[in-house]
Amino acid sequence: MLTTKELKGYLAAVCSAVIYGSMPLVASYIYADGVTPPTLVALRSLLALPLLAAIAFLKNKSLKIPLKALPSVFLIGFFGMFLTPLLLFVSYQYIDSSVSTVIHFIYPVFVAVGGAIFLRERFNKFALAGTVLCVAGIFLFYDPRLSLDITGSLCALLSGLAMAIYALLLARFKYKDIPAATLSFYIVGIGGSCSLVYAAAVGQIALPQTSVGWAICVAFTIAVTVGAVLLFQQSVFIIGSTKASILSALEPIISVVLGIAILGDSVTETKIIGTVLVIAASVVIVISDLRKNKV
C-alpha cells in the first residue's frame, strides 16, 4: 500500500496539474484586457509575494533561509518562475496553444533522462512505460492542420527544457527543511523580478485596463503561483521529479476539457485516445509504487 506521505505527493501533483491546466484559458481573458505575456509573468509572481510572506510568517515567524541556499534558490526561481512561463507564453504568439502545449510536454522525457543521469533516480520498466505512454498521449493532442512556426516551436521546446531543469533542481535541492511557503516566496520573487526587468527592457509593460482584469489577475496569481507552485514543489520533494512530471501531463487534458465545456471545442477520437494514454501513464507509475511497497 502507498504511505500517507506518498499519497499526498500524488494528490499534490494532480491538483497542481488541474490548476496549471486552467492557465491558458484564464490567461486569454487577461490578454484581452491589454496585458502582455512578459507583464503577466511578472504580475503572477509579484502579486503573490504579500500572501506568501503572510503564510510564511504565520507558520514559521520568519523568512530567513541559509545563505548557502541562495544560489540554488536563484536558479530554481530563474528557470521555474521566469524562463519556463515566459518562453511558453511567447510561443502562444506564434503557434496555437494546443500545439505549444504538446511540444512543451516533452519535458517529462527530459526529466526522466536527467533524473537517471544526474540524480540516479531509478528508471525502471514502469518509469519507462509511463514516459512512453505520456509522450504518445500528448502527441495525440496535436492537430496536423495547424501551422508549425519554427520560432514558436523552438520557444515551446525550450520552455519544456527549462521546466525539466526546474524540476531536477527542486529534486536535488539540499535544503528541504526550508518551509514550503518560505522557499516559494524567494523563488517566486526571483522569477517576478526577472520578468519585470525583461518586460521593461523589451518595452512590454502593460497593466490590466479594467477592475475586472485586475480581479482576474489576482485570482490567477493565487491559484497558479501560490497553489500550483507549492503543490508541484511538494510533489517533487515527496515522489521525485520523474513521477511528478509524468503526472503533470494531466494538465493538457484539463485544458481540453475546459475548452470543450467553456469554449465549445470539438471532441476528436485522437484526443480521447490521448487522454486515455496519459491517464494510463499516471496509473502505471502509481502501480510501480504499489509493487515497491508490497510486502
C-alpha atoms as a PDB file:
ATOM      1  CA  MET A   1       0.000   0.000   0.000  1.00  0.00           C
ATOM      2  CA  LEU A   2       1.019   3.586  -0.550  1.00  0.00           C
ATOM      3  CA  THR A   3       2.079   5.513   2.514  1.00  0.00           C
ATOM      4  CA  THR A   4       0.107   8.591   3.543  1.00  0.00           C
ATOM      5  CA  LYS A   5       3.062  10.763   2.546  1.00  0.00           C
ATOM      6  CA  GLU A   6       3.287   9.210  -0.944  1.00  0.00           C
ATOM      7  CA  LEU A   7      -0.456   9.621  -1.425  1.00  0.00           C
ATOM      8  CA  LYS A   8      -0.125  13.297  -0.549  1.00  0.00           C
ATOM      9  CA  GLY A   9       2.656  13.584  -3.129  1.00  0.00           C
ATOM     10  CA  TYR A  10       0.496  12.088  -5.876  1.00  0.00           C
ATOM     11  CA  LEU A  11      -2.516  14.226  -4.960  1.00  0.00           C
ATOM     12  CA  ALA A  12      -0.331  17.350  -4.897  1.00  0.00           C
ATOM     13  CA  ALA A  13       0.936  16.614  -8.430  1.00  0.00           C
ATOM     14  CA  VAL A  14      -2.582  16.008  -9.763  1.00  0.00           C
ATOM     15  CA  CYS A  15      -4.020  19.143  -8.117  1.00  0.00           C
ATOM     16  CA  SER A  16      -1.118  21.173  -9.483  1.00  0.00           C
ATOM     17  CA  ALA A  17      -1.845  19.843 -12.982  1.00  0.00           C
ATOM     18  CA  VAL A  18      -5.521  20.781 -12.656  1.00  0.00           C
ATOM     19  CA  ILE A  19      -4.630  24.370 -11.741  1.00  0.00           C
ATOM     20  CA  TYR A  20      -1.980  24.690 -14.452  1.00  0.00           C
ATOM     21  CA  GLY A  21      -4.408  23.183 -16.964  1.00  0.00           C
ATOM     22  CA  SER A  22      -6.778  26.124 -16.484  1.00  0.00           C
ATOM     23  CA  MET A  23      -3.957  28.624 -17.032  1.00  0.00           C
ATOM     24  CA  PRO A  24      -4.220  29.108 -20.846  1.00  0.00           C
ATOM     25  CA  LEU A  25      -7.964  29.747 -20.666  1.00  0.00           C
ATOM     26  CA  VAL A  26      -7.670  32.305 -17.862  1.00  0.00           C
ATOM     27  CA  ALA A  27      -4.629  33.914 -19.484  1.00  0.00           C
ATOM     28  CA  SER A  28      -6.627  34.542 -22.672  1.00  0.00           C
ATOM     29  CA  TYR A  29      -9.058  36.744 -20.699  1.00  0.00           C
ATOM     30  CA  ILE A  30      -6.153  38.671 -19.172  1.00  0.00           C
ATOM     31  CA  TYR A  31      -4.514  39.225 -22.581  1.00  0.00           C
ATOM     32  CA  ALA A  32      -7.849  40.540 -23.856  1.00  0.00           C
ATOM     33  CA  ASP A  33      -7.619  43.251 -21.173  1.00  0.00           C
ATOM     34  CA  GLY A  34      -4.385  44.557 -22.707  1.00  0.00           C
ATOM     35  CA  VAL A  35      -1.777  42.662 -20.674  1.00  0.00           C
ATOM     36  CA  THR A  36       1.325  41.391 -22.485  1.00  0.00           C
ATOM     37  CA  PRO A  37       2.893  37.942 -21.796  1.00  0.00           C
ATOM     38  CA  PRO A  38       6.011  39.331 -20.009  1.00  0.00           C
ATOM     39  CA  THR A  39       3.816  41.535 -17.814  1.00  0.00           C
ATOM     40  CA  LEU A  40       1.549  38.613 -16.945  1.00  0.00           C
ATOM     41  CA  VAL A  41       4.553  36.507 -15.937  1.00  0.00           C
ATOM     42  CA  ALA A  42       5.726  39.364 -13.704  1.00  0.00           C
ATOM     43  CA  LEU A  43       2.282  40.051 -12.230  1.00  0.00           C
ATOM     44  CA  ARG A  44       1.520  36.431 -11.419  1.00  0.00           C
ATOM     45  CA  SER A  45       4.674  36.329  -9.299  1.00  0.00           C
ATOM     46  CA  LEU A  46       4.844  39.793  -7.744  1.00  0.00           C
ATOM     47  CA  LEU A  47       1.167  39.891  -6.741  1.00  0.00           C
ATOM     48  CA  ALA A  48       1.672  36.629  -4.855  1.00  0.00           C
ATOM     49  CA  LEU A  49       4.559  37.850  -2.670  1.00  0.00           C
ATOM     50  CA  PRO A  50       2.476  39.509   0.110  1.00  0.00           C
ATOM     51  CA  LEU A  51       0.331  36.399   0.506  1.00  0.00           C
ATOM     52  CA  LEU A  52       3.336  34.049   0.520  1.00  0.00           C
ATOM     53  CA  ALA A  53       5.092  36.276   3.072  1.00  0.00           C
ATOM     54  CA  ALA A  54       1.991  36.274   5.283  1.00  0.00           C
ATOM     55  CA  ILE A  55       1.698  32.469   5.098  1.00  0.00           C
ATOM     56  CA  ALA A  56       5.404  32.069   5.912  1.00  0.00           C
ATOM     57  CA  PHE A  57       5.197  34.410   8.920  1.00  0.00           C
ATOM     58  CA  LEU A  58       2.033  32.800  10.267  1.00  0.00           C
ATOM     59  CA  LYS A  59       3.562  29.332  10.088  1.00  0.00           C
ATOM     60  CA  ASN A  60       7.226  29.975  10.823  1.00  0.00           C
ATOM     61  CA  LYS A  61       7.528  33.570  12.129  1.00  0.00           C
ATOM     62  CA  SER A  62      10.424  34.174   9.747  1.00  0.00           C
ATOM     63  CA  LEU A  63      11.534  34.445   6.126  1.00  0.00           C
ATOM     64  CA  LYS A  64      15.144  33.531   6.823  1.00  0.00           C
ATOM     65  CA  ILE A  65      16.930  30.934   4.715  1.00  0.00           C
ATOM     66  CA  PRO A  66      20.581  29.795   4.818  1.00  0.00           C
ATOM     67  CA  LEU A  67      22.889  31.991   2.749  1.00  0.00           C
ATOM     68  CA  LYS A  68      24.377  28.847   1.213  1.00  0.00           C
ATOM     69  CA  ALA A  69      20.952  28.036  -0.242  1.00  0.00           C
ATOM     70  CA  LEU A  70      20.632  31.312  -2.190  1.00  0.00           C
ATOM     71  CA  PRO A  71      22.478  30.229  -5.386  1.00  0.00           C
ATOM     72  CA  SER A  72      20.261  27.142  -5.702  1.00  0.00           C
ATOM     73  CA  VAL A  73      17.139  29.137  -4.886  1.00  0.00           C
ATOM     74  CA  PHE A  74      18.040  31.703  -7.539  1.00  0.00           C
ATOM     75  CA  LEU A  75      18.444  29.020 -10.221  1.00  0.00           C
ATOM     76  CA  ILE A  76      15.146  27.383  -9.248  1.00  0.00           C
ATOM     77  CA  GLY A  77      13.352  30.727  -9.444  1.00  0.00           C
ATOM     78  CA  PHE A  78      15.042  31.723 -12.707  1.00  0.00           C
ATOM     79  CA  PHE A  79      14.220  28.508 -14.590  1.00  0.00           C
ATOM     80  CA  GLY A  80      10.874  27.713 -12.991  1.00  0.00           C
ATOM     81  CA  MET A  81       9.238  31.080 -12.375  1.00  0.00           C
ATOM     82  CA  PHE A  82      10.762  33.168 -15.167  1.00  0.00           C
ATOM     83  CA  LEU A  83      12.163  31.256 -18.123  1.00  0.00           C
ATOM     84  CA  THR A  84       9.557  28.464 -18.316  1.00  0.00           C
ATOM     85  CA  PRO A  85       6.389  30.629 -18.323  1.00  0.00           C
ATOM     86  CA  LEU A  86       7.975  33.370 -20.425  1.00  0.00           C
ATOM     87  CA  LEU A  87       9.020  31.015 -23.229  1.00  0.00           C
ATOM     88  CA  LEU A  88       5.673  29.219 -23.104  1.00  0.00           C
ATOM     89  CA  PHE A  89       3.640  32.432 -23.215  1.00  0.00           C
ATOM     90  CA  VAL A  90       5.811  33.793 -26.053  1.00  0.00           C
ATOM     91  CA  SER A  91       5.251  30.582 -28.031  1.00  0.00           C
ATOM     92  CA  TYR A  92       1.482  31.247 -27.859  1.00  0.00           C
ATOM     93  CA  GLN A  93       2.086  34.332 -30.019  1.00  0.00           C
ATOM     94  CA  TYR A  94       3.450  32.218 -32.876  1.00  0.00           C
ATOM     95  CA  ILE A  95       1.646  28.881 -32.726  1.00  0.00           C
ATOM     96  CA  ASP A  96      -1.657  27.574 -31.433  1.00  0.00           C
ATOM     97  CA  SER A  97      -1.643  26.989 -27.672  1.00  0.00           C
ATOM     98  CA  SER A  98      -2.564  23.318 -28.137  1.00  0.00           C
ATOM     99  CA  VAL A  99       0.487  22.777 -30.363  1.00  0.00           C
ATOM    100  CA  SER A 100       2.666  24.673 -27.899  1.00  0.00           C
ATOM    101  CA  THR A 101       1.374  22.513 -25.050  1.00  0.00           C
ATOM    102  CA  VAL A 102       2.184  19.329 -26.978  1.00  0.00           C
ATOM    103  CA  ILE A 103       5.767  20.432 -27.598  1.00  0.00           C
ATOM    104  CA  HIS A 104       6.210  21.762 -24.048  1.00  0.00           C
ATOM    105  CA  PHE A 105       5.106  18.472 -22.548  1.00  0.00           C
ATOM    106  CA  ILE A 106       8.048  16.606 -23.980  1.00  0.00           C
ATOM    107  CA  TYR A 107       9.672  17.755 -20.734  1.00  0.00           C
ATOM    108  CA  PRO A 108       8.824  14.567 -18.751  1.00  0.00           C
ATOM    109  CA  VAL A 109      11.291  12.815 -21.069  1.00  0.00           C
ATOM    110  CA  PHE A 110      13.966  15.404 -20.234  1.00  0.00           C
ATOM    111  CA  VAL A 111      13.212  14.931 -16.531  1.00  0.00           C
ATOM    112  CA  ALA A 112      13.287  11.137 -16.698  1.00  0.00           C
ATOM    113  CA  VAL A 113      16.597  11.073 -18.574  1.00  0.00           C
ATOM    114  CA  GLY A 114      18.102  13.858 -16.459  1.00  0.00           C
ATOM    115  CA  GLY A 115      16.931  12.200 -13.248  1.00  0.00           C
ATOM    116  CA  ALA A 116      18.520   8.910 -14.249  1.00  0.00           C
ATOM    117  CA  ILE A 117      21.820  10.576 -15.208  1.00  0.00           C
ATOM    118  CA  PHE A 118      22.240  13.338 -12.618  1.00  0.00           C
ATOM    119  CA  LEU A 119      20.097  12.240  -9.670  1.00  0.00           C
ATOM    120  CA  ARG A 120      20.480   8.472 -10.025  1.00  0.00           C
ATOM    121  CA  GLU A 121      16.717   8.107  -9.912  1.00  0.00           C
ATOM    122  CA  ARG A 122      15.791   4.544 -10.734  1.00  0.00           C
ATOM    123  CA  PHE A 123      14.492   4.439 -14.304  1.00  0.00           C
ATOM    124  CA  ASN A 124      12.773   1.039 -14.194  1.00  0.00           C
ATOM    125  CA  LYS A 125      10.376  -0.538 -16.654  1.00  0.00           C
ATOM    126  CA  PHE A 126       7.396   1.204 -15.043  1.00  0.00           C
ATOM    127  CA  ALA A 127       9.006   4.629 -15.367  1.00  0.00           C
ATOM    128  CA  LEU A 128       9.903   3.838 -18.980  1.00  0.00           C
ATOM    129  CA  ALA A 129       6.376   2.635 -19.766  1.00  0.00           C
ATOM    130  CA  GLY A 130       4.850   5.681 -18.074  1.00  0.00           C
ATOM    131  CA  THR A 131       7.105   8.045 -20.006  1.00  0.00           C
ATOM    132  CA  VAL A 132       6.317   6.384 -23.366  1.00  0.00           C
ATOM    133  CA  LEU A 133       2.562   6.404 -22.712  1.00  0.00           C
ATOM    134  CA  CYS A 134       2.726  10.016 -21.543  1.00  0.00           C
ATOM    135  CA  VAL A 135       4.574  11.282 -24.630  1.00  0.00           C
ATOM    136  CA  ALA A 136       2.417   9.227 -27.022  1.00  0.00           C
ATOM    137  CA  GLY A 137      -0.743  10.551 -25.414  1.00  0.00           C
ATOM    138  CA  ILE A 138       0.416  14.167 -25.500  1.00  0.00           C
ATOM    139  CA  PHE A 139       1.293  13.965 -29.194  1.00  0.00           C
ATOM    140  CA  LEU A 140      -2.230  12.798 -29.998  1.00  0.00           C
ATOM    141  CA  PHE A 141      -3.464  16.228 -28.915  1.00  0.00           C
ATOM    142  CA  TYR A 142      -1.624  17.760 -31.874  1.00  0.00           C
ATOM    143  CA  ASP A 143      -3.788  18.830 -34.815  1.00  0.00           C
ATOM    144  CA  PRO A 144      -1.795  18.483 -38.084  1.00  0.00           C
ATOM    145  CA  ARG A 145      -3.997  21.131 -39.710  1.00  0.00           C
ATOM    146  CA  LEU A 146      -2.438  23.810 -37.507  1.00  0.00           C
ATOM    147  CA  SER A 147       0.677  25.690 -38.622  1.00  0.00           C
ATOM    148  CA  LEU A 148       4.032  24.876 -37.039  1.00  0.00           C
ATOM    149  CA  ASP A 149       6.128  28.046 -36.848  1.00  0.00           C
ATOM    150  CA  ILE A 150       9.828  27.461 -36.150  1.00  0.00           C
ATOM    151  CA  THR A 151      10.169  30.315 -33.638  1.00  0.00           C
ATOM    152  CA  GLY A 152       7.073  29.313 -31.701  1.00  0.00           C
ATOM    153  CA  SER A 153       8.024  25.640 -31.737  1.00  0.00           C
ATOM    154  CA  LEU A 154      11.539  26.401 -30.511  1.00  0.00           C
ATOM    155  CA  CYS A 155      10.195  28.580 -27.673  1.00  0.00           C
ATOM    156  CA  ALA A 156       7.801  25.800 -26.634  1.00  0.00           C
ATOM    157  CA  LEU A 157      10.584  23.202 -26.722  1.00  0.00           C
ATOM    158  CA  LEU A 158      12.918  25.435 -24.694  1.00  0.00           C
ATOM    159  CA  SER A 159      10.133  26.061 -22.180  1.00  0.00           C
ATOM    160  CA  GLY A 160       9.909  22.303 -21.713  1.00  0.00           C
ATOM    161  CA  LEU A 161      13.666  22.087 -21.228  1.00  0.00           C
ATOM    162  CA  ALA A 162      13.553  24.938 -18.687  1.00  0.00           C
ATOM    163  CA  MET A 163      10.708  23.177 -16.862  1.00  0.00           C
ATOM    164  CA  ALA A 164      12.746  19.973 -16.730  1.00  0.00           C
ATOM    165  CA  ILE A 165      15.738  21.838 -15.287  1.00  0.00           C
ATOM    166  CA  TYR A 166      13.417  23.414 -12.705  1.00  0.00           C
ATOM    167  CA  ALA A 167      12.065  20.008 -11.651  1.00  0.00           C
ATOM    168  CA  LEU A 168      15.550  18.488 -11.453  1.00  0.00           C
ATOM    169  CA  LEU A 169      16.884  21.433  -9.435  1.00  0.00           C
ATOM    170  CA  LEU A 170      13.996  21.030  -6.997  1.00  0.00           C
ATOM    171  CA  ALA A 171      14.648  17.298  -6.722  1.00  0.00           C
ATOM    172  CA  ARG A 172      18.321  17.791  -5.848  1.00  0.00           C
ATOM    173  CA  PHE A 173      17.702  20.813  -3.582  1.00  0.00           C
ATOM    174  CA  LYS A 174      19.576  20.070  -0.344  1.00  0.00           C
ATOM    175  CA  TYR A 175      17.682  22.402   1.977  1.00  0.00           C
ATOM    176  CA  LYS A 176      14.337  20.605   2.113  1.00  0.00           C
ATOM    177  CA  ASP A 177      13.876  21.683   5.726  1.00  0.00           C
ATOM    178  CA  ILE A 178      13.106  25.209   4.462  1.00  0.00           C
ATOM    179  CA  PRO A 179       9.304  25.652   4.838  1.00  0.00           C
ATOM    180  CA  ALA A 180       7.399  25.452   1.551  1.00  0.00           C
ATOM    181  CA  ALA A 181       5.906  28.953   1.769  1.00  0.00           C
ATOM    182  CA  THR A 182       9.290  30.485   2.602  1.00  0.00           C
ATOM    183  CA  LEU A 183      11.026  28.734  -0.296  1.00  0.00           C
ATOM    184  CA  SER A 184       8.215  29.723  -2.655  1.00  0.00           C
ATOM    185  CA  PHE A 185       8.435  33.347  -1.500  1.00  0.00           C
ATOM    186  CA  TYR A 186      12.036  33.509  -2.698  1.00  0.00           C
ATOM    187  CA  ILE A 187      11.719  31.572  -5.958  1.00  0.00           C
ATOM    188  CA  VAL A 188       8.548  33.470  -6.895  1.00  0.00           C
ATOM    189  CA  GLY A 189      10.195  36.789  -6.002  1.00  0.00           C
ATOM    190  CA  ILE A 190      13.208  35.953  -8.157  1.00  0.00           C
ATOM    191  CA  GLY A 191      11.010  34.911 -11.067  1.00  0.00           C
ATOM    192  CA  GLY A 192       8.863  38.022 -10.765  1.00  0.00           C
ATOM    193  CA  SER A 193      11.864  40.356 -10.552  1.00  0.00           C
ATOM    194  CA  CYS A 194      13.495  38.807 -13.624  1.00  0.00           C
ATOM    195  CA  SER A 195      10.197  39.024 -15.513  1.00  0.00           C
ATOM    196  CA  LEU A 196       9.722  42.681 -14.597  1.00  0.00           C
ATOM    197  CA  VAL A 197      13.256  43.561 -15.717  1.00  0.00           C
ATOM    198  CA  TYR A 198      12.719  41.702 -19.001  1.00  0.00           C
ATOM    199  CA  ALA A 199       9.327  43.335 -19.631  1.00  0.00           C
ATOM    200  CA  ALA A 200      10.844  46.781 -19.047  1.00  0.00           C
ATOM    201  CA  ALA A 201      13.858  46.003 -21.260  1.00  0.00           C
ATOM    202  CA  VAL A 202      11.696  44.992 -24.229  1.00  0.00           C
ATOM    203  CA  GLY A 203       9.127  47.732 -23.626  1.00  0.00           C
ATOM    204  CA  GLN A 204       6.225  45.358 -22.952  1.00  0.00           C
ATOM    205  CA  ILE A 205       4.930  46.527 -19.594  1.00  0.00           C
ATOM    206  CA  ALA A 206       1.152  46.726 -19.978  1.00  0.00           C
ATOM    207  CA  LEU A 207      -1.108  46.506 -16.926  1.00  0.00           C
ATOM    208  CA  PRO A 208      -4.792  45.457 -16.894  1.00  0.00           C
ATOM    209  CA  GLN A 209      -7.108  48.178 -18.125  1.00  0.00           C
ATOM    210  CA  THR A 210     -10.179  47.338 -16.049  1.00  0.00           C
ATOM    211  CA  SER A 211     -11.040  46.381 -12.478  1.00  0.00           C
ATOM    212  CA  VAL A 212     -12.295  43.032 -13.762  1.00  0.00           C
ATOM    213  CA  GLY A 213      -8.922  42.466 -15.405  1.00  0.00           C
ATOM    214  CA  TRP A 214      -7.150  43.162 -12.140  1.00  0.00           C
ATOM    215  CA  ALA A 215      -9.509  40.827 -10.273  1.00  0.00           C
ATOM    216  CA  ILE A 216      -8.790  38.008 -12.725  1.00  0.00           C
ATOM    217  CA  CYS A 217      -5.050  38.685 -12.385  1.00  0.00           C
ATOM    218  CA  VAL A 218      -5.245  38.407  -8.589  1.00  0.00           C
ATOM    219  CA  ALA A 219      -7.284  35.197  -8.748  1.00  0.00           C
ATOM    220  CA  PHE A 220      -4.895  33.814 -11.387  1.00  0.00           C
ATOM    221  CA  THR A 221      -1.943  34.665  -9.153  1.00  0.00           C
ATOM    222  CA  ILE A 222      -3.360  32.991  -6.064  1.00  0.00           C
ATOM    223  CA  ALA A 223      -4.342  29.838  -7.948  1.00  0.00           C
ATOM    224  CA  VAL A 224      -1.192  29.396 -10.025  1.00  0.00           C
ATOM    225  CA  THR A 225       1.659  30.964  -8.073  1.00  0.00           C
ATOM    226  CA  VAL A 226       0.503  30.154  -4.560  1.00  0.00           C
ATOM    227  CA  GLY A 227      -1.478  26.974  -5.200  1.00  0.00           C
ATOM    228  CA  ALA A 228       0.089  25.158  -8.152  1.00  0.00           C
ATOM    229  CA  VAL A 229       3.689  26.131  -7.393  1.00  0.00           C
ATOM    230  CA  LEU A 230       3.501  24.984  -3.772  1.00  0.00           C
ATOM    231  CA  LEU A 231       1.768  21.750  -4.776  1.00  0.00           C
ATOM    232  CA  PHE A 232       4.268  20.867  -7.526  1.00  0.00           C
ATOM    233  CA  GLN A 233       7.170  21.699  -5.230  1.00  0.00           C
ATOM    234  CA  GLN A 234       5.853  19.353  -2.553  1.00  0.00           C
ATOM    235  CA  SER A 235       5.104  16.567  -5.037  1.00  0.00           C
ATOM    236  CA  VAL A 236       8.693  16.640  -6.326  1.00  0.00           C
ATOM    237  CA  PHE A 237      10.049  16.515  -2.777  1.00  0.00           C
ATOM    238  CA  ILE A 238       7.835  13.517  -1.920  1.00  0.00           C
ATOM    239  CA  ILE A 239       7.610  11.305  -5.030  1.00  0.00           C
ATOM    240  CA  GLY A 240      10.537  12.563  -7.112  1.00  0.00           C
ATOM    241  CA  SER A 241      10.899  14.662 -10.253  1.00  0.00           C
ATOM    242  CA  THR A 242      10.136  11.923 -12.807  1.00  0.00           C
ATOM    243  CA  LYS A 243       6.819  10.809 -11.309  1.00  0.00           C
ATOM    244  CA  ALA A 244       5.694  14.358 -10.562  1.00  0.00           C
ATOM    245  CA  SER A 245       6.465  15.387 -14.151  1.00  0.00           C
ATOM    246  CA  ILE A 246       4.560  12.463 -15.683  1.00  0.00           C
ATOM    247  CA  LEU A 247       1.537  13.197 -13.500  1.00  0.00           C
ATOM    248  CA  SER A 248       1.674  16.841 -14.545  1.00  0.00           C
ATOM    249  CA  ALA A 249       0.889  15.649 -18.075  1.00  0.00           C
ATOM    250  CA  LEU A 250      -2.728  15.608 -16.896  1.00  0.00           C
ATOM    251  CA  GLU A 251      -2.547  19.381 -17.458  1.00  0.00           C
ATOM    252  CA  PRO A 252      -3.387  19.361 -21.204  1.00  0.00           C
ATOM    253  CA  ILE A 253      -6.333  17.047 -20.500  1.00  0.00           C
ATOM    254  CA  ILE A 254      -7.734  19.677 -18.153  1.00  0.00           C
ATOM    255  CA  SER A 255      -7.162  22.312 -20.845  1.00  0.00           C
ATOM    256  CA  VAL A 256      -9.022  20.192 -23.403  1.00  0.00           C
ATOM    257  CA  VAL A 257     -11.931  19.537 -21.028  1.00  0.00           C
ATOM    258  CA  LEU A 258     -12.248  23.241 -20.217  1.00  0.00           C
ATOM    259  CA  GLY A 259     -12.059  24.087 -23.926  1.00  0.00           C
ATOM    260  CA  ILE A 260     -14.884  21.669 -24.665  1.00  0.00           C
ATOM    261  CA  ALA A 261     -17.026  22.771 -21.718  1.00  0.00           C
ATOM    262  CA  ILE A 262     -16.485  26.543 -21.963  1.00  0.00           C
ATOM    263  CA  LEU A 263     -15.337  27.333 -25.494  1.00  0.00           C
ATOM    264  CA  GLY A 264     -17.265  24.619 -27.304  1.00  0.00           C
ATOM    265  CA  ASP A 265     -14.157  22.947 -28.761  1.00  0.00           C
ATOM    266  CA  SER A 266     -14.733  19.747 -30.714  1.00  0.00           C
ATOM    267  CA  VAL A 267     -14.098  16.274 -29.316  1.00  0.00           C
ATOM    268  CA  THR A 268     -11.997  14.020 -31.546  1.00  0.00           C
ATOM    269  CA  GLU A 269     -11.109  10.343 -31.356  1.00  0.00           C
ATOM    270  CA  THR A 270      -7.393  11.137 -31.165  1.00  0.00           C
ATOM    271  CA  LYS A 271      -7.919  13.460 -28.182  1.00  0.00           C
ATOM    272  CA  ILE A 272      -9.909  10.754 -26.421  1.00  0.00           C
ATOM    273  CA  ILE A 273      -7.165   8.196 -27.078  1.00  0.00           C
ATOM    274  CA  GLY A 274      -4.534  10.704 -25.959  1.00  0.00           C
ATOM    275  CA  THR A 275      -6.442  11.289 -22.735  1.00  0.00           C
ATOM    276  CA  VAL A 276      -6.640   7.549 -22.069  1.00  0.00           C
ATOM    277  CA  LEU A 277      -2.892   7.128 -22.670  1.00  0.00           C
ATOM    278  CA  VAL A 278      -1.920   9.968 -20.333  1.00  0.00           C
ATOM    279  CA  ILE A 279      -4.206   8.616 -17.608  1.00  0.00           C
ATOM    280  CA  ALA A 280      -2.716   5.171 -18.221  1.00  0.00           C
ATOM    281  CA  ALA A 281       0.764   6.658 -17.722  1.00  0.00           C
ATOM    282  CA  SER A 282      -0.345   8.016 -14.361  1.00  0.00           C
ATOM    283  CA  VAL A 283      -1.804   4.640 -13.364  1.00  0.00           C
ATOM    284  CA  VAL A 284       1.422   2.877 -14.340  1.00  0.00           C
ATOM    285  CA  ILE A 285       3.621   4.985 -12.076  1.00  0.00           C
ATOM    286  CA  VAL A 286       1.203   4.540  -9.164  1.00  0.00           C
ATOM    287  CA  ILE A 287       1.294   0.768  -9.727  1.00  0.00           C
ATOM    288  CA  SER A 288       5.092   0.923  -9.644  1.00  0.00           C
ATOM    289  CA  ASP A 289       4.976   2.332  -6.112  1.00  0.00           C
ATOM    290  CA  LEU A 290       2.324  -0.148  -5.036  1.00  0.00           C
ATOM    291  CA  ARG A 291       4.570  -3.008  -6.176  1.00  0.00           C
ATOM    292  CA  LYS A 292       7.572  -1.415  -4.470  1.00  0.00           C
ATOM    293  CA  ASN A 293       5.744  -1.171  -1.161  1.00  0.00           C
ATOM    294  CA  LYS A 294       4.066  -4.558  -1.375  1.00  0.00           C
ATOM    295  CA  VAL A 295       5.068  -6.783   1.475  1.00  0.00           C
END
